[in-house]
Amino acid sequence: MNVDGSLSLRYEHGDFFMDEGGNSCNRSAELQLICSERELGPRLLDSTACSHRLEWRTPAACPQVARTLCVPYQLPRSRKK
């Protein structure tokens, strides 16, 4: 988790790539998931032959609130002897 609360996924060691000049790399991608009220889908931020950076604004990246079921409970009255 990032400082701003977003999540980042990094995929490394992808397909091997060699350009016409003989430069080579293994492709990689970084996806940043950002909390949003609306689904905006992935958006390409930056791309080279070897790496891609994307952001995805989605409600699925928002913190989940734990919900508990509360059942009323009445303590039994103490019996005096």
PDB file of N, CA and C in Angstrom:
ATOM      1  N   MET A   1       0.857  -1.175   0.000  1.00  0.00           N
ATOM      2  CA  MET A   1       0.000   0.000   0.000  1.00  0.00           C
ATOM      3  C   MET A   1       0.897   1.230   0.000  1.00  0.00           C
ATOM      4  N   ASN A   2       0.529   2.213  -0.802  1.00  0.00           N
ATOM      5  CA  ASN A   2       1.279   3.452  -0.897  1.00  0.00           C
ATOM      6  C   ASN A   2       0.867   4.415   0.207  1.00  0.00           C
ATOM      7  N   VAL A   3       1.662   5.446   0.436  1.00  0.00           N
ATOM      8  CA  VAL A   3       1.392   6.434   1.476  1.00  0.00           C
ATOM      9  C   VAL A   3       0.026   7.091   1.273  1.00  0.00           C
ATOM     10  N   ASP A   4      -0.379   7.286   0.020  1.00  0.00           N
ATOM     11  CA  ASP A   4      -1.666   7.936  -0.262  1.00  0.00           C
ATOM     12  C   ASP A   4      -2.857   6.982  -0.174  1.00  0.00           C
ATOM     13  N   GLY A   5      -2.624   5.740   0.212  1.00  0.00           N
ATOM     14  CA  GLY A   5      -3.705   4.762   0.356  1.00  0.00           C
ATOM     15  C   GLY A   5      -3.977   3.950  -0.897  1.00  0.00           C
ATOM     16  N   SER A   6      -3.343   4.291  -1.998  1.00  0.00           N
ATOM     17  CA  SER A   6      -3.534   3.516  -3.222  1.00  0.00           C
ATOM     18  C   SER A   6      -2.707   2.233  -3.163  1.00  0.00           C
ATOM     19  N   LEU A   7      -3.015   1.325  -4.055  1.00  0.00           N
ATOM     20  CA  LEU A   7      -2.292   0.059  -4.134  1.00  0.00           C
ATOM     21  C   LEU A   7      -1.526   0.015  -5.446  1.00  0.00           C
ATOM     22  N   SER A   8      -0.325  -0.545  -5.413  1.00  0.00           N
ATOM     23  CA  SER A   8       0.461  -0.688  -6.637  1.00  0.00           C
ATOM     24  C   SER A   8       0.822  -2.139  -6.864  1.00  0.00           C
ATOM     25  N   LEU A   9       0.662  -2.576  -8.091  1.00  0.00           N
ATOM     26  CA  LEU A   9       1.068  -3.918  -8.502  1.00  0.00           C
ATOM     27  C   LEU A   9       2.149  -3.768  -9.545  1.00  0.00           C
ATOM     28  N   ARG A  10       3.235  -4.486  -9.384  1.00  0.00           N
ATOM     29  CA  ARG A  10       4.329  -4.411 -10.360  1.00  0.00           C
ATOM     30  C   ARG A  10       4.579  -5.800 -10.904  1.00  0.00           C
ATOM     31  N   TYR A  11       4.534  -5.909 -12.206  1.00  0.00           N
ATOM     32  CA  TYR A  11       4.815  -7.159 -12.900  1.00  0.00           C
ATOM     33  C   TYR A  11       6.171  -7.002 -13.583  1.00  0.00           C
ATOM     34  N   GLU A  12       7.089  -7.893 -13.287  1.00  0.00           N
ATOM     35  CA  GLU A  12       8.442  -7.819 -13.845  1.00  0.00           C
ATOM     36  C   GLU A  12       8.778  -9.117 -14.561  1.00  0.00           C
ATOM     37  N   HIS A  13       9.874  -9.078 -15.315  1.00  0.00           N
ATOM     38  CA  HIS A  13      10.389 -10.256 -16.015  1.00  0.00           C
ATOM     39  C   HIS A  13       9.373 -10.805 -17.021  1.00  0.00           C
ATOM     40  N   GLY A  14       8.758  -9.892 -17.748  1.00  0.00           N
ATOM     41  CA  GLY A  14       7.796 -10.280 -18.778  1.00  0.00           C
ATOM     42  C   GLY A  14       8.498 -10.752 -20.039  1.00  0.00           C
ATOM     43  N   ASP A  15       7.799 -10.647 -21.146  1.00  0.00           N
ATOM     44  CA  ASP A  15       8.338 -11.094 -22.437  1.00  0.00           C
ATOM     45  C   ASP A  15       9.665 -10.412 -22.756  1.00  0.00           C
ATOM     46  N   PHE A  16      10.548 -11.166 -23.360  1.00  0.00           N
ATOM     47  CA  PHE A  16      11.833 -10.635 -23.812  1.00  0.00           C
ATOM     48  C   PHE A  16      11.590  -9.763 -25.031  1.00  0.00           C
ATOM     49  N   PHE A  17      12.292  -8.622 -25.089  1.00  0.00           N
ATOM     50  CA  PHE A  17      12.135  -7.704 -26.217  1.00  0.00           C
ATOM     51  C   PHE A  17      13.509  -7.233 -26.673  1.00  0.00           C
ATOM     52  N   MET A  18      13.722  -7.191 -27.979  1.00  0.00           N
ATOM     53  CA  MET A  18      14.959  -6.643 -28.532  1.00  0.00           C
ATOM     54  C   MET A  18      14.585  -5.696 -29.670  1.00  0.00           C
ATOM     55  N   ASP A  19      15.111  -4.473 -29.594  1.00  0.00           N
ATOM     56  CA  ASP A  19      14.809  -3.519 -30.663  1.00  0.00           C
ATOM     57  C   ASP A  19      15.790  -3.675 -31.824  1.00  0.00           C
ATOM     58  N   GLU A  20      15.589  -2.882 -32.859  1.00  0.00           N
ATOM     59  CA  GLU A  20      16.416  -2.986 -34.066  1.00  0.00           C
ATOM     60  C   GLU A  20      17.881  -2.642 -33.806  1.00  0.00           C
ATOM     61  N   GLY A  21      18.155  -1.877 -32.745  1.00  0.00           N
ATOM     62  CA  GLY A  21      19.523  -1.493 -32.408  1.00  0.00           C
ATOM     63  C   GLY A  21      20.246  -2.525 -31.553  1.00  0.00           C
ATOM     64  N   GLY A  22      19.558  -3.617 -31.212  1.00  0.00           N
ATOM     65  CA  GLY A  22      20.174  -4.654 -30.392  1.00  0.00           C
ATOM     66  C   GLY A  22      19.983  -4.471 -28.902  1.00  0.00           C
ATOM     67  N   ASN A  23      19.296  -3.405 -28.485  1.00  0.00           N
ATOM     68  CA  ASN A  23      18.998  -3.201 -27.058  1.00  0.00           C
ATOM     69  C   ASN A  23      17.909  -4.183 -26.651  1.00  0.00           C
ATOM     70  N   SER A  24      18.068  -4.781 -25.471  1.00  0.00           N
ATOM     71  CA  SER A  24      17.079  -5.780 -25.051  1.00  0.00           C
ATOM     72  C   SER A  24      16.649  -5.551 -23.599  1.00  0.00           C
ATOM     73  N   CYS A  25      15.511  -6.123 -23.279  1.00  0.00           N
ATOM     74  CA  CYS A  25      14.967  -6.037 -21.920  1.00  0.00           C
ATOM     75  C   CYS A  25      13.880  -7.088 -21.771  1.00  0.00           C
ATOM     76  N   ASN A  26      13.463  -7.290 -20.544  1.00  0.00           N
ATOM     77  CA  ASN A  26      12.256  -8.043 -20.259  1.00  0.00           C
ATOM     78  C   ASN A  26      11.196  -7.012 -19.904  1.00  0.00           C
ATOM     79  N   ARG A  27      10.055  -7.098 -20.503  1.00  0.00           N
ATOM     80  CA  ARG A  27       9.010  -6.097 -20.302  1.00  0.00           C
ATOM     81  C   ARG A  27       8.463  -6.139 -18.875  1.00  0.00           C
ATOM     82  N   SER A  28       7.979  -4.982 -18.419  1.00  0.00           N
ATOM     83  CA  SER A  28       7.396  -4.867 -17.082  1.00  0.00           C
ATOM     84  C   SER A  28       6.207  -3.910 -17.146  1.00  0.00           C
ATOM     85  N   ALA A  29       5.369  -3.976 -16.124  1.00  0.00           N
ATOM     86  CA  ALA A  29       4.216  -3.085 -16.033  1.00  0.00           C
ATOM     87  C   ALA A  29       3.948  -2.777 -14.573  1.00  0.00           C
ATOM     88  N   GLU A  30       3.507  -1.549 -14.317  1.00  0.00           N
ATOM     89  CA  GLU A  30       3.103  -1.149 -12.971  1.00  0.00           C
ATOM     90  C   GLU A  30       1.692  -0.602 -13.049  1.00  0.00           C
ATOM     91  N   LEU A  31       0.822  -1.116 -12.195  1.00  0.00           N
ATOM     92  CA  LEU A  31      -0.577  -0.709 -12.157  1.00  0.00           C
ATOM     93  C   LEU A  31      -0.864  -0.130 -10.782  1.00  0.00           C
ATOM     94  N   GLN A  32      -1.317   1.121 -10.747  1.00  0.00           N
ATOM     95  CA  GLN A  32      -1.678   1.760  -9.489  1.00  0.00           C
ATOM     96  C   GLN A  32      -3.197   1.793  -9.396  1.00  0.00           C
ATOM     97  N   LEU A  33      -3.751   1.175  -8.354  1.00  0.00           N
ATOM     98  CA  LEU A  33      -5.196   1.144  -8.121  1.00  0.00           C
ATOM     99  C   LEU A  33      -5.541   2.249  -7.134  1.00  0.00           C
ATOM    100  N   ILE A  34      -6.450   3.138  -7.523  1.00  0.00           N
ATOM    101  CA  ILE A  34      -6.787   4.315  -6.734  1.00  0.00           C
ATOM    102  C   ILE A  34      -8.275   4.299  -6.399  1.00  0.00           C
ATOM    103  N   CYS A  35      -8.595   4.568  -5.142  1.00  0.00           N
ATOM    104  CA  CYS A  35      -9.992   4.612  -4.692  1.00  0.00           C
ATOM    105  C   CYS A  35     -10.746   5.717  -5.424  1.00  0.00           C
ATOM    106  N   SER A  36     -11.913   5.369  -5.952  1.00  0.00           N
ATOM    107  CA  SER A  36     -12.765   6.323  -6.658  1.00  0.00           C
ATOM    108  C   SER A  36     -14.216   5.902  -6.478  1.00  0.00           C
ATOM    109  N   GLU A  37     -15.112   6.876  -6.419  1.00  0.00           N
ATOM    110  CA  GLU A  37     -16.539   6.549  -6.307  1.00  0.00           C
ATOM    111  C   GLU A  37     -17.077   5.928  -7.588  1.00  0.00           C
ATOM    112  N   ARG A  38     -16.432   6.276  -8.719  1.00  0.00           N
ATOM    113  CA  ARG A  38     -16.881   5.760 -10.013  1.00  0.00           C
ATOM    114  C   ARG A  38     -15.803   4.887 -10.642  1.00  0.00           C
ATOM    115  N   GLU A  39     -16.229   3.917 -11.410  1.00  0.00           N
ATOM    116  CA  GLU A  39     -15.311   3.054 -12.169  1.00  0.00           C
ATOM    117  C   GLU A  39     -14.852   3.815 -13.403  1.00  0.00           C
ATOM    118  N   LEU A  40     -13.549   4.100 -13.466  1.00  0.00           N
ATOM    119  CA  LEU A  40     -13.037   4.851 -14.609  1.00  0.00           C
ATOM    120  C   LEU A  40     -12.142   4.004 -15.514  1.00  0.00           C
ATOM    121  N   GLY A  41     -11.851   2.793 -15.114  1.00  0.00           N
ATOM    122  CA  GLY A  41     -11.067   1.904 -15.962  1.00  0.00           C
ATOM    123  C   GLY A  41      -9.599   2.270 -15.989  1.00  0.00           C
ATOM    124  N   PRO A  42      -8.786   1.423 -16.599  1.00  0.00           N
ATOM    125  CA  PRO A  42      -7.345   1.683 -16.642  1.00  0.00           C
ATOM    126  C   PRO A  42      -7.002   2.805 -17.615  1.00  0.00           C
ATOM    127  N   ARG A  43      -5.944   3.546 -17.267  1.00  0.00           N
ATOM    128  CA  ARG A  43      -5.471   4.656 -18.108  1.00  0.00           C
ATOM    129  C   ARG A  43      -3.955   4.573 -18.186  1.00  0.00           C
ATOM    130  N   LEU A  44      -3.425   4.598 -19.376  1.00  0.00           N
ATOM    131  CA  LEU A  44      -1.990   4.525 -19.592  1.00  0.00           C
ATOM    132  C   LEU A  44      -1.356   5.865 -19.235  1.00  0.00           C
ATOM    133  N   LEU A  45      -0.388   5.846 -18.298  1.00  0.00           N
ATOM    134  CA  LEU A  45       0.303   7.068 -17.891  1.00  0.00           C
ATOM    135  C   LEU A  45       1.602   7.274 -18.641  1.00  0.00           C
ATOM    136  N   ASP A  46       2.324   6.180 -18.861  1.00  0.00           N
ATOM    137  CA  ASP A  46       3.641   6.260 -19.480  1.00  0.00           C
ATOM    138  C   ASP A  46       3.962   4.913 -20.090  1.00  0.00           C
ATOM    139  N   SER A  47       4.642   4.932 -21.224  1.00  0.00           N
ATOM    140  CA  SER A  47       4.964   3.672 -21.877  1.00  0.00           C
ATOM    141  C   SER A  47       6.269   3.801 -22.648  1.00  0.00           C
ATOM    142  N   THR A  48       7.103   2.770 -22.539  1.00  0.00           N
ATOM    143  CA  THR A  48       8.301   2.644 -23.367  1.00  0.00           C
ATOM    144  C   THR A  48       8.247   1.252 -23.974  1.00  0.00           C
ATOM    145  N   ALA A  49       9.261   0.902 -24.722  1.00  0.00           N
ATOM    146  CA  ALA A  49       9.296  -0.440 -25.305  1.00  0.00           C
ATOM    147  C   ALA A  49       9.354  -1.505 -24.216  1.00  0.00           C
ATOM    148  N   CYS A  50       9.905  -1.138 -23.047  1.00  0.00           N
ATOM    149  CA  CYS A  50      10.128  -2.141 -22.006  1.00  0.00           C
ATOM    150  C   CYS A  50       9.235  -2.004 -20.778  1.00  0.00           C
ATOM    151  N   SER A  51       8.581  -0.884 -20.587  1.00  0.00           N
ATOM    152  CA  SER A  51       7.769  -0.729 -19.377  1.00  0.00           C
ATOM    153  C   SER A  51       6.512   0.092 -19.665  1.00  0.00           C
ATOM    154  N   HIS A  52       5.502  -0.185 -18.876  1.00  0.00           N
ATOM    155  CA  HIS A  52       4.214   0.504 -18.994  1.00  0.00           C
ATOM    156  C   HIS A  52       3.747   0.863 -17.588  1.00  0.00           C
ATOM    157  N   ARG A  53       3.262   2.088 -17.405  1.00  0.00           N
ATOM    158  CA  ARG A  53       2.677   2.522 -16.138  1.00  0.00           C
ATOM    159  C   ARG A  53       1.225   2.885 -16.377  1.00  0.00           C
ATOM    160  N   LEU A  54       0.347   2.307 -15.558  1.00  0.00           N
ATOM    161  CA  LEU A  54      -1.086   2.551 -15.693  1.00  0.00           C
ATOM    162  C   LEU A  54      -1.672   2.922 -14.343  1.00  0.00           C
ATOM    163  N   GLU A  55      -2.786   3.645 -14.375  1.00  0.00           N
ATOM    164  CA  GLU A  55      -3.555   3.873 -13.155  1.00  0.00           C
ATOM    165  C   GLU A  55      -4.992   3.436 -13.427  1.00  0.00           C
ATOM    166  N   TRP A  56      -5.629   2.958 -12.376  1.00  0.00           N
ATOM    167  CA  TRP A  56      -7.014   2.497 -12.490  1.00  0.00           C
ATOM    168  C   TRP A  56      -7.788   3.037 -11.304  1.00  0.00           C
ATOM    169  N   ARG A  57      -8.699   3.962 -11.565  1.00  0.00           N
ATOM    170  CA  ARG A  57      -9.555   4.515 -10.510  1.00  0.00           C
ATOM    171  C   ARG A  57     -10.817   3.666 -10.446  1.00  0.00           C
ATOM    172  N   THR A  58     -11.054   3.112  -9.253  1.00  0.00           N
ATOM    173  CA  THR A  58     -12.132   2.146  -9.101  1.00  0.00           C
ATOM    174  C   THR A  58     -12.607   2.069  -7.654  1.00  0.00           C
ATOM    175  N   PRO A  59     -13.914   1.813  -7.426  1.00  0.00           N
ATOM    176  CA  PRO A  59     -14.403   1.603  -6.065  1.00  0.00           C
ATOM    177  C   PRO A  59     -13.776   0.357  -5.416  1.00  0.00           C
ATOM    178  N   ALA A  60     -13.313  -0.578  -6.232  1.00  0.00           N
ATOM    179  CA  ALA A  60     -12.712  -1.803  -5.693  1.00  0.00           C
ATOM    180  C   ALA A  60     -11.428  -1.525  -4.916  1.00  0.00           C
ATOM    181  N   ALA A  61     -10.805  -0.361  -5.122  1.00  0.00           N
ATOM    182  CA  ALA A  61      -9.576  -0.012  -4.410  1.00  0.00           C
ATOM    183  C   ALA A  61      -9.843   0.732  -3.107  1.00  0.00           C
ATOM    184  N   CYS A  62     -11.106   1.005  -2.817  1.00  0.00           N
ATOM    185  CA  CYS A  62     -11.450   1.744  -1.590  1.00  0.00           C
ATOM    186  C   CYS A  62     -11.409   0.813  -0.386  1.00  0.00           C
ATOM    187  N   PRO A  63     -11.042   1.372   0.786  1.00  0.00           N
ATOM    188  CA  PRO A  63     -11.019   0.551   1.998  1.00  0.00           C
ATOM    189  C   PRO A  63     -12.393  -0.042   2.277  1.00  0.00           C
ATOM    190  N   GLN A  64     -12.384  -1.249   2.732  1.00  0.00           N
ATOM    191  CA  GLN A  64     -13.631  -1.927   3.065  1.00  0.00           C
ATOM    192  C   GLN A  64     -13.926  -1.741   4.553  1.00  0.00           C
ATOM    193  N   VAL A  65     -15.180  -1.479   4.872  1.00  0.00           N
ATOM    194  CA  VAL A  65     -15.597  -1.316   6.261  1.00  0.00           C
ATOM    195  C   VAL A  65     -16.082  -2.661   6.766  1.00  0.00           C
ATOM    196  N   ALA A  66     -15.500  -3.101   7.862  1.00  0.00           N
ATOM    197  CA  ALA A  66     -15.932  -4.375   8.445  1.00  0.00           C
ATOM    198  C   ALA A  66     -17.324  -4.202   9.044  1.00  0.00           C
ATOM    199  N   ARG A  67     -18.188  -5.098   8.705  1.00  0.00           N
ATOM    200  CA  ARG A  67     -19.552  -5.055   9.237  1.00  0.00           C
ATOM    201  C   ARG A  67     -19.739  -6.225  10.181  1.00  0.00           C
ATOM    202  N   THR A  68     -20.291  -5.930  11.334  1.00  0.00           N
ATOM    203  CA  THR A  68     -20.567  -6.990  12.295  1.00  0.00           C
ATOM    204  C   THR A  68     -22.059  -7.015  12.582  1.00  0.00           C
ATOM    205  N   LEU A  69     -22.549  -8.163  12.836  1.00  0.00           N
ATOM    206  CA  LEU A  69     -23.960  -8.332  13.162  1.00  0.00           C
ATOM    207  C   LEU A  69     -24.121  -8.151  14.660  1.00  0.00           C
ATOM    208  N   CYS A  70     -24.890  -7.174  15.045  1.00  0.00           N
ATOM    209  CA  CYS A  70     -25.130  -6.921  16.468  1.00  0.00           C
ATOM    210  C   CYS A  70     -26.481  -7.511  16.847  1.00  0.00           C
ATOM    211  N   VAL A  71     -26.450  -8.362  17.823  1.00  0.00           N
ATOM    212  CA  VAL A  71     -27.672  -8.981  18.309  1.00  0.00           C
ATOM    213  C   VAL A  71     -27.895  -8.503  19.741  1.00  0.00           C
ATOM    214  N   PRO A  72     -29.072  -7.940  20.031  1.00  0.00           N
ATOM    215  CA  PRO A  72     -29.313  -7.469  21.399  1.00  0.00           C
ATOM    216  C   PRO A  72     -29.221  -8.646  22.380  1.00  0.00           C
ATOM    217  N   TYR A  73     -28.597  -8.372  23.494  1.00  0.00           N
ATOM    218  CA  TYR A  73     -28.447  -9.398  24.521  1.00  0.00           C
ATOM    219  C   TYR A  73     -28.816  -8.771  25.839  1.00  0.00           C
ATOM    220  N   GLN A  74     -29.668  -9.457  26.570  1.00  0.00           N
ATOM    221  CA  GLN A  74     -30.082  -8.954  27.871  1.00  0.00           C
ATOM    222  C   GLN A  74     -29.464  -9.840  28.931  1.00  0.00           C
ATOM    223  N   LEU A  75     -28.744  -9.189  29.840  1.00  0.00           N
ATOM    224  CA  LEU A  75     -28.140  -9.955  30.933  1.00  0.00           C
ATOM    225  C   LEU A  75     -29.241 -10.500  31.830  1.00  0.00           C
ATOM    226  N   PRO A  76     -29.047 -11.713  32.294  1.00  0.00           N
ATOM    227  CA  PRO A  76     -30.049 -12.271  33.224  1.00  0.00           C
ATOM    228  C   PRO A  76     -30.027 -11.500  34.531  1.00  0.00           C
ATOM    229  N   ARG A  77     -31.201 -11.361  35.131  1.00  0.00           N
ATOM    230  CA  ARG A  77     -31.283 -10.650  36.430  1.00  0.00           C
ATOM    231  C   ARG A  77     -30.677 -11.534  37.510  1.00  0.00           C
ATOM    232  N   SER A  78     -29.974 -10.874  38.400  1.00  0.00           N
ATOM    233  CA  SER A  78     -29.387 -11.652  39.494  1.00  0.00           C
ATOM    234  C   SER A  78     -30.487 -12.057  40.463  1.00  0.00           C
ATOM    235  N   ARG A  79     -30.374 -13.230  40.973  1.00  0.00           N
ATOM    236  CA  ARG A  79     -31.356 -13.740  41.929  1.00  0.00           C
ATOM    237  C   ARG A  79     -30.774 -13.603  43.333  1.00  0.00           C
ATOM    238  N   LYS A  80     -31.519 -12.904  44.168  1.00  0.00           N
ATOM    239  CA  LYS A  80     -31.084 -12.760  45.550  1.00  0.00           C
ATOM    240  C   LYS A  80     -31.561 -13.953  46.346  1.00  0.00           C
ATOM    241  N   LYS A  81     -30.682 -14.484  47.152  1.00  0.00           N
ATOM    242  CA  LYS A  81     -31.054 -15.636  47.977  1.00  0.00           C
ATOM    243  C   LYS A  81     -31.175 -15.256  49.415  1.00  0.00           C
TER     244      LYS A  81
END
